[in-house]
PDB file of all heavy atoms in Angstrom:
ATOM      1  N   GLU A   1     -51.521  55.482  35.846  1.00  0.00           N
ATOM      2  CA  GLU A   1     -51.412  54.062  35.541  1.00  0.00           C
ATOM      3  C   GLU A   1     -51.880  53.176  36.672  1.00  0.00           C
ATOM      4  O   GLU A   1     -52.522  52.165  36.358  1.00  0.00           O
ATOM      5  CB  GLU A   1     -49.913  53.785  35.226  1.00  0.00           C
ATOM      6  CG  GLU A   1     -49.396  54.413  33.925  1.00  0.00           C
ATOM      7  CD  GLU A   1     -47.909  54.186  33.780  1.00  0.00           C
ATOM      8  OE1 GLU A   1     -47.231  53.514  34.547  1.00  0.00           O
ATOM      9  OE2 GLU A   1     -47.364  54.781  32.784  1.00  0.00           O
ATOM     10  N   GLU A   2     -51.641  53.587  37.844  1.00  0.00           N
ATOM     11  CA  GLU A   2     -52.007  52.852  39.052  1.00  0.00           C
ATOM     12  C   GLU A   2     -53.604  52.779  39.134  1.00  0.00           C
ATOM     13  O   GLU A   2     -54.210  51.723  39.379  1.00  0.00           O
ATOM     14  CB  GLU A   2     -51.506  53.351  40.302  1.00  0.00           C
ATOM     15  CG  GLU A   2     -51.748  52.563  41.544  1.00  0.00           C
ATOM     16  CD  GLU A   2     -53.114  52.768  42.158  1.00  0.00           C
ATOM     17  OE1 GLU A   2     -53.691  53.844  42.028  1.00  0.00           O
ATOM     18  OE2 GLU A   2     -53.621  51.883  42.871  1.00  0.00           O
ATOM     19  N   GLU A   3     -54.226  53.925  38.883  1.00  0.00           N
ATOM     20  CA  GLU A   3     -55.669  54.005  38.874  1.00  0.00           C
ATOM     21  C   GLU A   3     -56.285  53.103  37.840  1.00  0.00           C
ATOM     22  O   GLU A   3     -57.294  52.367  38.136  1.00  0.00           O
ATOM     23  CB  GLU A   3     -56.196  55.448  38.683  1.00  0.00           C
ATOM     24  CG  GLU A   3     -57.656  55.573  38.818  1.00  0.00           C
ATOM     25  CD  GLU A   3     -58.102  57.070  38.744  1.00  0.00           C
ATOM     26  OE1 GLU A   3     -57.289  57.978  38.508  1.00  0.00           O
ATOM     27  OE2 GLU A   3     -59.257  57.278  38.941  1.00  0.00           O
ATOM     28  N   LYS A   4     -55.789  53.142  36.622  1.00  0.00           N
ATOM     29  CA  LYS A   4     -56.286  52.226  35.547  1.00  0.00           C
ATOM     30  C   LYS A   4     -56.140  50.735  35.991  1.00  0.00           C
ATOM     31  O   LYS A   4     -57.041  49.980  35.823  1.00  0.00           O
ATOM     32  CB  LYS A   4     -55.582  52.470  34.280  1.00  0.00           C
ATOM     33  CG  LYS A   4     -55.934  53.755  33.576  1.00  0.00           C
ATOM     34  CD  LYS A   4     -55.116  53.930  32.307  1.00  0.00           C
ATOM     35  CE  LYS A   4     -55.278  55.341  31.802  1.00  0.00           C
ATOM     36  NZ  LYS A   4     -54.285  55.608  30.676  1.00  0.00           N
ATOM     37  N   ALA A   5     -54.995  50.451  36.553  1.00  0.00           N
ATOM     38  CA  ALA A   5     -54.713  49.035  36.930  1.00  0.00           C
ATOM     39  C   ALA A   5     -55.629  48.611  38.095  1.00  0.00           C
ATOM     40  O   ALA A   5     -56.105  47.437  38.122  1.00  0.00           O
ATOM     41  CB  ALA A   5     -53.258  48.949  37.469  1.00  0.00           C
ATOM     42  N   SER A   6     -55.880  49.538  39.040  1.00  0.00           N
ATOM     43  CA  SER A   6     -56.785  49.199  40.137  1.00  0.00           C
ATOM     44  C   SER A   6     -58.197  48.898  39.709  1.00  0.00           C
ATOM     45  O   SER A   6     -58.977  48.130  40.314  1.00  0.00           O
ATOM     46  CB  SER A   6     -56.790  50.270  41.213  1.00  0.00           C
ATOM     47  OG  SER A   6     -57.494  51.375  40.750  1.00  0.00           O
ATOM     48  N   MET A   7     -58.576  49.470  38.562  1.00  0.00           N
ATOM     49  CA  MET A   7     -59.943  49.219  38.035  1.00  0.00           C
ATOM     50  C   MET A   7     -60.032  47.995  37.133  1.00  0.00           C
ATOM     51  O   MET A   7     -61.103  47.516  36.870  1.00  0.00           O
ATOM     52  CB  MET A   7     -60.447  50.432  37.295  1.00  0.00           C
ATOM     53  CG  MET A   7     -60.650  51.612  38.200  1.00  0.00           C
ATOM     54  SD  MET A   7     -61.287  52.987  37.245  1.00  0.00           S
ATOM     55  CE  MET A   7     -61.561  54.168  38.558  1.00  0.00           C
ATOM     56  N   THR A   8     -58.871  47.611  36.624  1.00  0.00           N
ATOM     57  CA  THR A   8     -58.901  46.439  35.730  1.00  0.00           C
ATOM     58  C   THR A   8     -58.014  45.245  36.287  1.00  0.00           C
ATOM     59  O   THR A   8     -58.584  44.332  36.857  1.00  0.00           O
ATOM     60  CB  THR A   8     -58.377  46.811  34.323  1.00  0.00           C
ATOM     61  OG1 THR A   8     -57.082  47.387  34.437  1.00  0.00           O
ATOM     62  CG2 THR A   8     -59.308  47.857  33.635  1.00  0.00           C
ATOM     63  N   ASP A   9     -56.817  45.381  36.110  1.00  0.00           N
ATOM     64  CA  ASP A   9     -55.922  44.289  36.476  1.00  0.00           C
ATOM     65  C   ASP A   9     -54.589  44.797  37.004  1.00  0.00           C
ATOM     66  O   ASP A   9     -53.817  45.419  36.202  1.00  0.00           O
ATOM     67  CB  ASP A   9     -55.711  43.357  35.289  1.00  0.00           C
ATOM     68  CG  ASP A   9     -54.906  42.116  35.709  1.00  0.00           C
ATOM     69  OD1 ASP A   9     -54.750  41.862  36.836  1.00  0.00           O
ATOM     70  OD2 ASP A   9     -54.484  41.425  34.723  1.00  0.00           O
ATOM     71  N   TYR A  10     -54.305  44.503  38.252  1.00  0.00           N
ATOM     72  CA  TYR A  10     -53.054  45.025  38.903  1.00  0.00           C
ATOM     73  C   TYR A  10     -51.870  44.176  38.428  1.00  0.00           C
ATOM     74  O   TYR A  10     -50.757  44.607  38.556  1.00  0.00           O
ATOM     75  CB  TYR A  10     -53.158  44.915  40.434  1.00  0.00           C
ATOM     76  CG  TYR A  10     -53.401  46.203  41.149  1.00  0.00           C
ATOM     77  CD1 TYR A  10     -54.292  46.178  42.242  1.00  0.00           C
ATOM     78  CD2 TYR A  10     -52.790  47.334  40.830  1.00  0.00           C
ATOM     79  CE1 TYR A  10     -54.539  47.328  42.928  1.00  0.00           C
ATOM     80  CE2 TYR A  10     -53.078  48.521  41.492  1.00  0.00           C
ATOM     81  CZ  TYR A  10     -53.881  48.474  42.550  1.00  0.00           C
ATOM     82  OH  TYR A  10     -54.127  49.630  43.315  1.00  0.00           O
ATOM     83  N   GLU A  11     -52.088  42.999  37.850  1.00  0.00           N
ATOM     84  CA  GLU A  11     -50.991  42.130  37.587  1.00  0.00           C
ATOM     85  C   GLU A  11     -49.907  42.780  36.735  1.00  0.00           C
ATOM     86  O   GLU A  11     -48.732  42.747  37.075  1.00  0.00           O
ATOM     87  CB  GLU A  11     -51.470  40.865  36.930  1.00  0.00           C
ATOM     88  CG  GLU A  11     -50.469  39.772  36.891  1.00  0.00           C
ATOM     89  CD  GLU A  11     -50.985  38.409  36.422  1.00  0.00           C
ATOM     90  OE1 GLU A  11     -52.252  38.204  36.334  1.00  0.00           O
ATOM     91  OE2 GLU A  11     -50.207  37.552  36.282  1.00  0.00           O
ATOM     92  N   ASP A  12     -50.218  43.379  35.598  1.00  0.00           N
ATOM     93  CA  ASP A  12     -49.275  44.020  34.762  1.00  0.00           C
ATOM     94  C   ASP A  12     -48.537  45.141  35.526  1.00  0.00           C
ATOM     95  O   ASP A  12     -47.352  45.283  35.425  1.00  0.00           O
ATOM     96  CB  ASP A  12     -49.891  44.473  33.491  1.00  0.00           C
ATOM     97  CG  ASP A  12     -48.904  45.071  32.516  1.00  0.00           C
ATOM     98  OD1 ASP A  12     -48.030  44.194  32.037  1.00  0.00           O
ATOM     99  OD2 ASP A  12     -48.931  46.222  32.176  1.00  0.00           O
ATOM    100  N   PHE A  13     -49.339  45.851  36.246  1.00  0.00           N
ATOM    101  CA  PHE A  13     -48.721  46.990  36.998  1.00  0.00           C
ATOM    102  C   PHE A  13     -47.684  46.481  37.994  1.00  0.00           C
ATOM    103  O   PHE A  13     -46.575  46.988  38.133  1.00  0.00           O
ATOM    104  CB  PHE A  13     -49.885  47.782  37.750  1.00  0.00           C
ATOM    105  CG  PHE A  13     -49.347  49.008  38.445  1.00  0.00           C
ATOM    106  CD1 PHE A  13     -49.171  50.164  37.805  1.00  0.00           C
ATOM    107  CD2 PHE A  13     -49.093  48.941  39.804  1.00  0.00           C
ATOM    108  CE1 PHE A  13     -48.750  51.306  38.399  1.00  0.00           C
ATOM    109  CE2 PHE A  13     -48.648  50.098  40.501  1.00  0.00           C
ATOM    110  CZ  PHE A  13     -48.473  51.228  39.824  1.00  0.00           C
ATOM    111  N   ILE A  14     -48.027  45.420  38.803  1.00  0.00           N
ATOM    112  CA  ILE A  14     -47.225  44.955  39.818  1.00  0.00           C
ATOM    113  C   ILE A  14     -45.807  44.390  39.266  1.00  0.00           C
ATOM    114  O   ILE A  14     -44.820  44.733  39.720  1.00  0.00           O
ATOM    115  CB  ILE A  14     -47.873  43.773  40.588  1.00  0.00           C
ATOM    116  CG1 ILE A  14     -49.013  44.340  41.454  1.00  0.00           C
ATOM    117  CG2 ILE A  14     -46.895  43.014  41.429  1.00  0.00           C
ATOM    118  CD1 ILE A  14     -49.919  43.283  42.072  1.00  0.00           C
ATOM    119  N   TYR A  15     -45.979  43.759  38.155  1.00  0.00           N
ATOM    120  CA  TYR A  15     -44.778  43.091  37.520  1.00  0.00           C
ATOM    121  C   TYR A  15     -43.907  44.077  36.583  1.00  0.00           C
ATOM    122  O   TYR A  15     -42.712  43.868  36.426  1.00  0.00           O
ATOM    123  CB  TYR A  15     -45.134  41.859  36.822  1.00  0.00           C
ATOM    124  CG  TYR A  15     -45.702  40.799  37.666  1.00  0.00           C
ATOM    125  CD1 TYR A  15     -47.041  40.385  37.472  1.00  0.00           C
ATOM    126  CD2 TYR A  15     -44.956  40.208  38.639  1.00  0.00           C
ATOM    127  CE1 TYR A  15     -47.596  39.375  38.287  1.00  0.00           C
ATOM    128  CE2 TYR A  15     -45.468  39.163  39.468  1.00  0.00           C
ATOM    129  CZ  TYR A  15     -46.741  38.808  39.267  1.00  0.00           C
ATOM    130  OH  TYR A  15     -47.336  37.826  40.068  1.00  0.00           O
ATOM    131  N   HIS A  16     -44.612  45.011  36.035  1.00  0.00           N
ATOM    132  CA  HIS A  16     -43.959  45.723  34.960  1.00  0.00           C
ATOM    133  C   HIS A  16     -43.851  47.257  35.041  1.00  0.00           C
ATOM    134  O   HIS A  16     -43.122  47.887  34.284  1.00  0.00           O
ATOM    135  CB  HIS A  16     -44.644  45.399  33.578  1.00  0.00           C
ATOM    136  CG  HIS A  16     -44.672  43.986  33.231  1.00  0.00           C
ATOM    137  ND1 HIS A  16     -43.529  43.213  32.992  1.00  0.00           N
ATOM    138  CD2 HIS A  16     -45.717  43.103  33.223  1.00  0.00           C
ATOM    139  CE1 HIS A  16     -43.809  41.999  32.809  1.00  0.00           C
ATOM    140  NE2 HIS A  16     -45.133  41.866  32.974  1.00  0.00           N
ATOM    141  N   ASN A  17     -44.593  47.846  36.012  1.00  0.00           N
ATOM    142  CA  ASN A  17     -44.403  49.356  36.194  1.00  0.00           C
ATOM    143  C   ASN A  17     -43.000  49.551  36.736  1.00  0.00           C
ATOM    144  O   ASN A  17     -42.696  49.128  37.837  1.00  0.00           O
ATOM    145  CB  ASN A  17     -45.533  49.860  37.049  1.00  0.00           C
ATOM    146  CG  ASN A  17     -45.333  51.377  37.239  1.00  0.00           C
ATOM    147  OD1 ASN A  17     -44.525  51.855  37.973  1.00  0.00           O
ATOM    148  ND2 ASN A  17     -46.164  52.139  36.497  1.00  0.00           N
ATOM    149  N   SER A  18     -42.178  50.229  36.001  1.00  0.00           N
ATOM    150  CA  SER A  18     -40.764  50.409  36.435  1.00  0.00           C
ATOM    151  C   SER A  18     -40.675  51.124  37.751  1.00  0.00           C
ATOM    152  O   SER A  18     -39.788  50.734  38.601  1.00  0.00           O
ATOM    153  CB  SER A  18     -39.969  51.178  35.380  1.00  0.00           C
ATOM    154  OG  SER A  18     -40.485  52.448  35.176  1.00  0.00           O
ATOM    155  N   THR A  19     -41.413  52.169  38.020  1.00  0.00           N
ATOM    156  CA  THR A  19     -41.296  52.929  39.275  1.00  0.00           C
ATOM    157  C   THR A  19     -41.716  52.020  40.440  1.00  0.00           C
ATOM    158  O   THR A  19     -41.068  52.003  41.459  1.00  0.00           O
ATOM    159  CB  THR A  19     -42.141  54.162  39.289  1.00  0.00           C
ATOM    160  OG1 THR A  19     -41.747  54.997  38.188  1.00  0.00           O
ATOM    161  CG2 THR A  19     -42.060  54.926  40.542  1.00  0.00           C
ATOM    162  N   PHE A  20     -42.780  51.196  40.262  1.00  0.00           N
ATOM    163  CA  PHE A  20     -43.230  50.346  41.359  1.00  0.00           C
ATOM    164  C   PHE A  20     -42.182  49.226  41.610  1.00  0.00           C
ATOM    165  O   PHE A  20     -41.945  48.916  42.724  1.00  0.00           O
ATOM    166  CB  PHE A  20     -44.576  49.755  41.005  1.00  0.00           C
ATOM    167  CG  PHE A  20     -45.282  49.106  42.182  1.00  0.00           C
ATOM    168  CD1 PHE A  20     -45.682  49.861  43.292  1.00  0.00           C
ATOM    169  CD2 PHE A  20     -45.487  47.760  42.126  1.00  0.00           C
ATOM    170  CE1 PHE A  20     -46.262  49.204  44.354  1.00  0.00           C
ATOM    171  CE2 PHE A  20     -46.073  47.149  43.241  1.00  0.00           C
ATOM    172  CZ  PHE A  20     -46.460  47.844  44.373  1.00  0.00           C
ATOM    173  N   CYS A  21     -41.633  48.706  40.578  1.00  0.00           N
ATOM    174  CA  CYS A  21     -40.618  47.653  40.686  1.00  0.00           C
ATOM    175  C   CYS A  21     -39.365  48.174  41.400  1.00  0.00           C
ATOM    176  O   CYS A  21     -38.827  47.550  42.274  1.00  0.00           O
ATOM    177  CB  CYS A  21     -40.225  47.119  39.336  1.00  0.00           C
ATOM    178  SG  CYS A  21     -41.563  46.053  38.550  1.00  0.00           S
ATOM    179  N   GLU A  22     -39.020  49.396  41.095  1.00  0.00           N
ATOM    180  CA  GLU A  22     -37.840  50.069  41.772  1.00  0.00           C
ATOM    181  C   GLU A  22     -38.133  50.386  43.220  1.00  0.00           C
ATOM    182  O   GLU A  22     -37.272  50.215  44.057  1.00  0.00           O
ATOM    183  CB  GLU A  22     -37.481  51.321  40.998  1.00  0.00           C
ATOM    184  CG  GLU A  22     -36.858  51.207  39.657  1.00  0.00           C
ATOM    185  CD  GLU A  22     -36.758  52.403  38.783  1.00  0.00           C
ATOM    186  OE1 GLU A  22     -37.015  53.561  39.299  1.00  0.00           O
ATOM    187  OE2 GLU A  22     -36.462  52.241  37.610  1.00  0.00           O
ATOM    188  N   LEU A  23     -39.370  50.738  43.500  1.00  0.00           N
ATOM    189  CA  LEU A  23     -39.737  50.905  44.950  1.00  0.00           C
ATOM    190  C   LEU A  23     -39.612  49.602  45.681  1.00  0.00           C
ATOM    191  O   LEU A  23     -39.113  49.611  46.797  1.00  0.00           O
ATOM    192  CB  LEU A  23     -41.186  51.461  45.054  1.00  0.00           C
ATOM    193  CG  LEU A  23     -41.413  52.904  44.814  1.00  0.00           C
ATOM    194  CD1 LEU A  23     -42.947  53.226  44.743  1.00  0.00           C
ATOM    195  CD2 LEU A  23     -40.807  53.730  45.995  1.00  0.00           C
ATOM    196  N   ARG A  24     -40.065  48.522  45.121  1.00  0.00           N
ATOM    197  CA  ARG A  24     -40.016  47.222  45.720  1.00  0.00           C
ATOM    198  C   ARG A  24     -38.580  46.848  45.992  1.00  0.00           C
ATOM    199  O   ARG A  24     -38.211  46.394  47.089  1.00  0.00           O
ATOM    200  CB  ARG A  24     -40.737  46.168  44.820  1.00  0.00           C
ATOM    201  CG  ARG A  24     -40.777  44.870  45.504  1.00  0.00           C
ATOM    202  CD  ARG A  24     -41.684  43.855  44.741  1.00  0.00           C
ATOM    203  NE  ARG A  24     -41.521  43.797  43.371  1.00  0.00           N
ATOM    204  CZ  ARG A  24     -42.488  44.153  42.441  1.00  0.00           C
ATOM    205  NH1 ARG A  24     -43.658  44.500  42.827  1.00  0.00           N
ATOM    206  NH2 ARG A  24     -42.257  44.057  41.189  1.00  0.00           N
ATOM    207  N   GLU A  25     -37.654  47.045  45.015  1.00  0.00           N
ATOM    208  CA  GLU A  25     -36.325  46.707  45.148  1.00  0.00           C
ATOM    209  C   GLU A  25     -35.635  47.566  46.198  1.00  0.00           C
ATOM    210  O   GLU A  25     -34.839  47.030  46.995  1.00  0.00           O
ATOM    211  CB  GLU A  25     -35.546  46.859  43.784  1.00  0.00           C
ATOM    212  CG  GLU A  25     -35.944  45.844  42.757  1.00  0.00           C
ATOM    213  CD  GLU A  25     -35.352  46.104  41.387  1.00  0.00           C
ATOM    214  OE1 GLU A  25     -34.382  46.905  41.272  1.00  0.00           O
ATOM    215  OE2 GLU A  25     -35.889  45.589  40.423  1.00  0.00           O
ATOM    216  N   LEU A  26     -35.914  48.840  46.269  1.00  0.00           N
ATOM    217  CA  LEU A  26     -35.313  49.762  47.233  1.00  0.00           C
ATOM    218  C   LEU A  26     -35.776  49.441  48.661  1.00  0.00           C
ATOM    219  O   LEU A  26     -35.047  49.464  49.594  1.00  0.00           O
ATOM    220  CB  LEU A  26     -35.575  51.186  46.905  1.00  0.00           C
ATOM    221  CG  LEU A  26     -34.880  52.246  47.705  1.00  0.00           C
ATOM    222  CD1 LEU A  26     -33.336  52.041  47.746  1.00  0.00           C
ATOM    223  CD2 LEU A  26     -35.259  53.673  47.324  1.00  0.00           C
ATOM    224  N   ALA A  27     -37.076  49.029  48.789  1.00  0.00           N
ATOM    225  CA  ALA A  27     -37.592  48.633  50.056  1.00  0.00           C
ATOM    226  C   ALA A  27     -36.749  47.499  50.616  1.00  0.00           C
ATOM    227  O   ALA A  27     -36.376  47.392  51.784  1.00  0.00           O
ATOM    228  CB  ALA A  27     -39.049  48.296  50.015  1.00  0.00           C
ATOM    229  N   LEU A  28     -36.513  46.501  49.751  1.00  0.00           N
ATOM    230  CA  LEU A  28     -35.701  45.271  50.095  1.00  0.00           C
ATOM    231  C   LEU A  28     -34.288  45.741  50.525  1.00  0.00           C
ATOM    232  O   LEU A  28     -33.767  45.253  51.541  1.00  0.00           O
ATOM    233  CB  LEU A  28     -35.641  44.293  48.945  1.00  0.00           C
ATOM    234  CG  LEU A  28     -34.836  43.014  49.276  1.00  0.00           C
ATOM    235  CD1 LEU A  28     -35.394  42.252  50.499  1.00  0.00           C
ATOM    236  CD2 LEU A  28     -34.826  42.036  48.059  1.00  0.00           C
ATOM    237  N   LYS A  29     -33.659  46.539  49.786  1.00  0.00           N
ATOM    238  CA  LYS A  29     -32.324  47.014  50.161  1.00  0.00           C
ATOM    239  C   LYS A  29     -32.286  47.788  51.464  1.00  0.00           C
ATOM    240  O   LYS A  29     -31.403  47.610  52.214  1.00  0.00           O
ATOM    241  CB  LYS A  29     -31.751  47.928  49.031  1.00  0.00           C
ATOM    242  CG  LYS A  29     -31.417  47.226  47.717  1.00  0.00           C
ATOM    243  CD  LYS A  29     -30.958  48.193  46.640  1.00  0.00           C
ATOM    244  CE  LYS A  29     -30.685  47.443  45.345  1.00  0.00           C
ATOM    245  NZ  LYS A  29     -30.352  48.392  44.287  1.00  0.00           N
ATOM    246  N   THR A  30     -33.327  48.555  51.708  1.00  0.00           N
ATOM    247  CA  THR A  30     -33.428  49.247  52.997  1.00  0.00           C
ATOM    248  C   THR A  30     -33.601  48.303  54.130  1.00  0.00           C
ATOM    249  O   THR A  30     -32.930  48.501  55.193  1.00  0.00           O
ATOM    250  CB  THR A  30     -34.634  50.247  52.947  1.00  0.00           C
ATOM    251  OG1 THR A  30     -34.522  51.121  51.815  1.00  0.00           O
ATOM    252  CG2 THR A  30     -34.683  51.061  54.162  1.00  0.00           C
ATOM    253  N   ILE A  31     -34.385  47.230  53.935  1.00  0.00           N
ATOM    254  CA  ILE A  31     -34.472  46.250  55.007  1.00  0.00           C
ATOM    255  C   ILE A  31     -33.142  45.629  55.299  1.00  0.00           C
ATOM    256  O   ILE A  31     -32.734  45.425  56.436  1.00  0.00           O
ATOM    257  CB  ILE A  31     -35.504  45.129  54.553  1.00  0.00           C
ATOM    258  CG1 ILE A  31     -36.935  45.704  54.591  1.00  0.00           C
ATOM    259  CG2 ILE A  31     -35.398  43.906  55.512  1.00  0.00           C
ATOM    260  CD1 ILE A  31     -37.954  44.788  53.877  1.00  0.00           C
ATOM    261  N   GLN A  32     -32.343  45.362  54.250  1.00  0.00           N
ATOM    262  CA  GLN A  32     -31.063  44.778  54.373  1.00  0.00           C
ATOM    263  C   GLN A  32     -30.051  45.718  55.114  1.00  0.00           C
ATOM    264  O   GLN A  32     -29.225  45.309  55.893  1.00  0.00           O
ATOM    265  CB  GLN A  32     -30.531  44.310  53.042  1.00  0.00           C
ATOM    266  CG  GLN A  32     -31.293  43.163  52.473  1.00  0.00           C
ATOM    267  CD  GLN A  32     -30.970  42.840  50.993  1.00  0.00           C
ATOM    268  OE1 GLN A  32     -30.479  43.706  50.290  1.00  0.00           O
ATOM    269  NE2 GLN A  32     -31.331  41.691  50.601  1.00  0.00           N
TER     270      GLN A  32
END
């Protein structure tokens, strides 16, 4: 999914890929 997004449009991937969104949230919690 990431490879397809990198060739077309990352926007949907950034906002809607559940694994990526969870990574972003966990990174924030880790910082805290």
